[in-house]
Amino acid sequence: MEILQKTCLVITIIGAINWGLIGIFDFNLVEMIFGSNGIARIVYTLVGIAGLINIGLLFRHFHD
C-alpha cells in the first residue's frame, strides 16, 4: 500500500504543478502535451483519483 500512496502522491504533485501553471501563467501543460482529447481527460481523472487516495495520508499518523 505504501508504494501506491507514494505513486499517487507524485501524481498529485504533478497535478498541483499543472494547476499552478494554469493559475499563474494561463498555461495548461497537460493539454499542451496530450491535446484536448480523451487522453487529457484520463490524465485529469488519474490526478483526481490519486488525490482521493492521498486523503488517507492525512489520517495515517492515527494508525502508527
N, C-alpha and C. Protein backbone atom coordinates (compact mmCIF):
# COMPACT_ATOMS: atom_id res chain seq x y z
N MET A 1 0.82 -1.20 0.00
CA MET A 1 0.00 0.00 0.00
C MET A 1 0.86 1.26 0.00
N GLU A 2 2.03 1.18 0.60
CA GLU A 2 2.90 2.35 0.66
C GLU A 2 3.36 2.78 -0.74
N ILE A 3 3.63 1.81 -1.61
CA ILE A 3 4.04 2.13 -2.98
C ILE A 3 2.92 2.84 -3.71
N LEU A 4 1.69 2.37 -3.52
CA LEU A 4 0.53 3.01 -4.16
C LEU A 4 0.39 4.45 -3.69
N GLN A 5 0.51 4.70 -2.39
CA GLN A 5 0.36 6.05 -1.87
C GLN A 5 1.48 6.97 -2.36
N LYS A 6 2.69 6.47 -2.44
CA LYS A 6 3.79 7.30 -2.93
C LYS A 6 3.60 7.62 -4.41
N THR A 7 3.16 6.65 -5.19
CA THR A 7 2.88 6.89 -6.60
C THR A 7 1.78 7.93 -6.75
N CYS A 8 0.73 7.78 -5.97
CA CYS A 8 -0.38 8.74 -6.02
C CYS A 8 0.07 10.12 -5.57
N LEU A 9 0.97 10.19 -4.60
CA LEU A 9 1.47 11.47 -4.15
C LEU A 9 2.23 12.18 -5.27
N VAL A 10 3.04 11.44 -6.01
CA VAL A 10 3.77 12.03 -7.14
C VAL A 10 2.79 12.53 -8.20
N ILE A 11 1.77 11.74 -8.51
CA ILE A 11 0.77 12.15 -9.50
C ILE A 11 0.03 13.40 -9.02
N THR A 12 -0.29 13.46 -7.73
CA THR A 12 -0.97 14.63 -7.18
C THR A 12 -0.09 15.87 -7.25
N ILE A 13 1.19 15.72 -6.97
CA ILE A 13 2.12 16.85 -7.06
C ILE A 13 2.21 17.35 -8.50
N ILE A 14 2.29 16.44 -9.45
CA ILE A 14 2.32 16.84 -10.86
C ILE A 14 1.04 17.60 -11.22
N GLY A 15 -0.10 17.12 -10.74
CA GLY A 15 -1.37 17.81 -10.98
C GLY A 15 -1.39 19.19 -10.34
N ALA A 16 -0.83 19.31 -9.15
CA ALA A 16 -0.78 20.61 -8.48
C ALA A 16 0.11 21.58 -9.25
N ILE A 17 1.21 21.09 -9.77
CA ILE A 17 2.09 21.94 -10.58
C ILE A 17 1.35 22.42 -11.82
N ASN A 18 0.60 21.52 -12.46
CA ASN A 18 -0.17 21.92 -13.63
C ASN A 18 -1.19 23.00 -13.27
N TRP A 19 -1.89 22.83 -12.14
CA TRP A 19 -2.86 23.85 -11.73
C TRP A 19 -2.17 25.17 -11.41
N GLY A 20 -0.98 25.10 -10.84
CA GLY A 20 -0.22 26.31 -10.59
C GLY A 20 0.14 27.03 -11.88
N LEU A 21 0.54 26.27 -12.89
CA LEU A 21 0.85 26.85 -14.19
C LEU A 21 -0.39 27.49 -14.82
N ILE A 22 -1.53 26.85 -14.65
CA ILE A 22 -2.77 27.41 -15.19
C ILE A 22 -3.11 28.71 -14.46
N GLY A 23 -3.00 28.70 -13.15
CA GLY A 23 -3.36 29.87 -12.36
C GLY A 23 -2.44 31.06 -12.58
N ILE A 24 -1.15 30.80 -12.67
CA ILE A 24 -0.18 31.89 -12.76
C ILE A 24 0.03 32.36 -14.20
N PHE A 25 0.19 31.40 -15.12
CA PHE A 25 0.57 31.74 -16.49
C PHE A 25 -0.51 31.46 -17.53
N ASP A 26 -1.68 30.94 -17.09
CA ASP A 26 -2.73 30.52 -18.02
C ASP A 26 -2.17 29.55 -19.06
N PHE A 27 -1.36 28.61 -18.58
CA PHE A 27 -0.69 27.62 -19.43
C PHE A 27 -1.02 26.23 -18.91
N ASN A 28 -1.69 25.43 -19.73
CA ASN A 28 -2.09 24.08 -19.33
C ASN A 28 -1.11 23.08 -19.96
N LEU A 29 -0.21 22.56 -19.15
CA LEU A 29 0.82 21.64 -19.62
C LEU A 29 0.22 20.33 -20.12
N VAL A 30 -0.80 19.83 -19.44
CA VAL A 30 -1.42 18.56 -19.84
C VAL A 30 -2.02 18.68 -21.24
N GLU A 31 -2.75 19.75 -21.49
CA GLU A 31 -3.34 19.92 -22.81
C GLU A 31 -2.29 20.21 -23.87
N MET A 32 -1.18 20.84 -23.49
CA MET A 32 -0.12 21.07 -24.45
C MET A 32 0.51 19.74 -24.88
N ILE A 33 0.69 18.83 -23.91
CA ILE A 33 1.33 17.55 -24.20
C ILE A 33 0.36 16.60 -24.91
N PHE A 34 -0.87 16.49 -24.39
CA PHE A 34 -1.81 15.48 -24.88
C PHE A 34 -2.91 16.03 -25.76
N GLY A 35 -3.08 17.34 -25.82
CA GLY A 35 -4.16 17.92 -26.59
C GLY A 35 -5.47 17.87 -25.82
N SER A 36 -6.51 18.41 -26.43
CA SER A 36 -7.84 18.42 -25.78
C SER A 36 -8.61 17.20 -26.24
N ASN A 37 -8.17 16.04 -25.81
CA ASN A 37 -8.83 14.80 -26.23
C ASN A 37 -9.05 13.89 -25.04
N GLY A 38 -9.35 12.65 -25.32
CA GLY A 38 -9.64 11.68 -24.27
C GLY A 38 -8.44 11.39 -23.38
N ILE A 39 -7.24 11.49 -23.91
CA ILE A 39 -6.05 11.21 -23.10
C ILE A 39 -5.91 12.25 -21.99
N ALA A 40 -6.16 13.51 -22.30
CA ALA A 40 -6.09 14.56 -21.29
C ALA A 40 -7.13 14.30 -20.20
N ARG A 41 -8.31 13.86 -20.59
CA ARG A 41 -9.35 13.53 -19.58
C ARG A 41 -8.91 12.39 -18.69
N ILE A 42 -8.24 11.41 -19.26
CA ILE A 42 -7.73 10.29 -18.47
C ILE A 42 -6.69 10.79 -17.46
N VAL A 43 -5.81 11.68 -17.92
CA VAL A 43 -4.80 12.24 -17.01
C VAL A 43 -5.48 12.99 -15.87
N TYR A 44 -6.47 13.83 -16.18
CA TYR A 44 -7.18 14.56 -15.13
C TYR A 44 -7.89 13.60 -14.17
N THR A 45 -8.46 12.54 -14.70
CA THR A 45 -9.13 11.55 -13.86
C THR A 45 -8.14 10.86 -12.93
N LEU A 46 -6.97 10.50 -13.46
CA LEU A 46 -5.95 9.86 -12.64
C LEU A 46 -5.47 10.78 -11.52
N VAL A 47 -5.32 12.05 -11.82
CA VAL A 47 -4.91 13.02 -10.80
C VAL A 47 -5.98 13.11 -9.71
N GLY A 48 -7.24 13.14 -10.11
CA GLY A 48 -8.32 13.18 -9.13
C GLY A 48 -8.38 11.95 -8.26
N ILE A 49 -8.23 10.78 -8.86
CA ILE A 49 -8.23 9.53 -8.08
C ILE A 49 -7.04 9.49 -7.14
N ALA A 50 -5.88 9.94 -7.63
CA ALA A 50 -4.69 9.97 -6.78
C ALA A 50 -4.90 10.89 -5.59
N GLY A 51 -5.55 12.02 -5.83
CA GLY A 51 -5.84 12.94 -4.72
C GLY A 51 -6.75 12.31 -3.69
N LEU A 52 -7.75 11.56 -4.14
CA LEU A 52 -8.65 10.88 -3.20
C LEU A 52 -7.91 9.82 -2.40
N ILE A 53 -7.04 9.09 -3.05
CA ILE A 53 -6.25 8.07 -2.33
C ILE A 53 -5.35 8.72 -1.29
N ASN A 54 -4.83 9.90 -1.61
CA ASN A 54 -3.93 10.59 -0.69
C ASN A 54 -4.64 11.16 0.53
N ILE A 55 -5.95 11.19 0.53
CA ILE A 55 -6.67 11.61 1.73
C ILE A 55 -6.27 10.73 2.91
N GLY A 56 -5.97 9.47 2.63
CA GLY A 56 -5.53 8.55 3.68
C GLY A 56 -4.26 9.00 4.37
N LEU A 57 -3.43 9.77 3.68
CA LEU A 57 -2.19 10.27 4.30
C LEU A 57 -2.48 11.25 5.43
N LEU A 58 -3.62 11.93 5.36
CA LEU A 58 -3.98 12.86 6.43
C LEU A 58 -4.20 12.15 7.76
N PHE A 59 -4.71 10.93 7.69
CA PHE A 59 -5.08 10.20 8.89
C PHE A 59 -4.08 9.11 9.25
N ARG A 60 -2.98 9.04 8.53
CA ARG A 60 -2.01 7.99 8.73
C ARG A 60 -1.38 8.00 10.12
N HIS A 61 -1.15 9.17 10.69
CA HIS A 61 -0.49 9.25 11.99
C HIS A 61 -1.33 8.65 13.11
N PHE A 62 -2.65 8.50 12.91
CA PHE A 62 -3.51 7.89 13.92
C PHE A 62 -3.27 6.39 14.02
N HIS A 63 -2.73 5.77 12.95
CA HIS A 63 -2.53 4.32 12.94
C HIS A 63 -1.12 3.91 13.29
N ASP A 64 -0.20 4.84 13.39
CA ASP A 64 1.20 4.50 13.69
C ASP A 64 1.44 4.32 15.17
